[in-house]
Amino acid sequence: MLTPGGHLVPDDSSAAFLMQRHEQLRQATNPLPGSVAYDNFRPINVPGRFAGLTLIDFLSARFPNTSRDEWFDLIAAGRIVPHHSDEADGGRRAAWGLRANRVSPDQIMREGDRFDHVTPQYVEPNVNADIRILYEDAAIVVVNKPAPLPMHACGRFERNTLQAILDSVYAPQRLRAAHRLDAATSGVVLHARSQAVARKVQPQFEQRRVEKIYVAKVAGYPAEDDFNCTDPIAAATQPGGLRNTDHNGLPAETRFRVLSRNPDGTALVEAQPMTGRTNQIRIHLWSLGLPICGDSYYLPDRKLGSNVVPNIESEPLCLHARSLTFEHPETGATVTFEAPLPEWALTESESDS
């Protein structure tokens, strides 16, 4: 069936339609779009709080994970250039050489200034692109996001992202994610097919009217079968981009239920976040002494690791968004969508079946 705008949608989420959609996804990700070398232009915007600083001082303060000397070298190499948003990709490549070395480390920043950080012949890290469509109609698309796969352009990723891949499959329509999952987290993600639909579904998340159920495998056995964590979470990140618990932080609550205690010293727990803080489930389990298996951020013994997207070869983060329950933006009916459990969450009998 075609909508008035010409977009292909199913009369229902039939197996035949989903097979067709999954073939489109397979073609869009074989090869991965970011695996073909390209000149990457990563935008850098100057917020008002940095106005008055020199370019080198701004870059060093805004991106402390890159050393001051490295920023000097990038500027000298012509890889920090003025931003021109009206240039198409091909035009940007052609114009790059003409624009190189047109910035000085000593030039003064103004609020709203924009630059591009150029990485020539860039190849993005591999990701898991086994995206599955759970359901779609004329208003929404529900996706089972694999991991690791970033949702949006960030850090080392621009084309190997869920948004970029969906854009290529659903073009000219651009889906709008109603919420987000970390790159290393798998599971259910809801997308709106128009801005009008997004205005109906996003407030449900903001007003905490969406029921979100996760499954996690943790190191250790919880003392109780049912337990809560209400530790406040810091509003600001620490160096490296991680958040921690903070007595003066934002209110947060997660409810937990033990699903199984495994012979290897791990436990499978169900988590229901009642608030929506960044990394909330991971932080709460970590603060309880039950870090999630495979978590490179929140380590055992309350140690902190690195805030980087794990490689596809890395041990998976054992956190999965199992289900979403919300009000359908067009029908008003309460609907629930559930993503199949990943291999790490299955019992031995389930894995063999």
Foldseek 3Di string as FASTA:
>chain_A
DADPVGFDFDPWPDPVVQVVLLVLLVVLVVPHPLQFFAKDWAKDFDAAVQFFAFQLVRCCVVPVVQHSVNVVVQLVAQQKFFDDVPADRVRCVVCSVVGGNVGDRGDGDHHGGMIIRIDGRAHAFDWDSSKGWQIDGPWKTKIWFAAQAAQADDDRDHRRHVQNSVVVSRPPFGWAWLDGDHNLETEITMTTRDPVSSVQRNVCQVVLVKWWKKKFKWAADDPDQKDKFFFAKAPAADPQRHIAGDNPHHTWMKIKGWPAQDPVRITMMMIITSHDDVCRVQRRCLVVQIHTPQDQARDGPRDGHHDDRDHPPGDGRGMYGAKMWDQRSPPRDIDMTGDDHDPVNDDPVRNVD
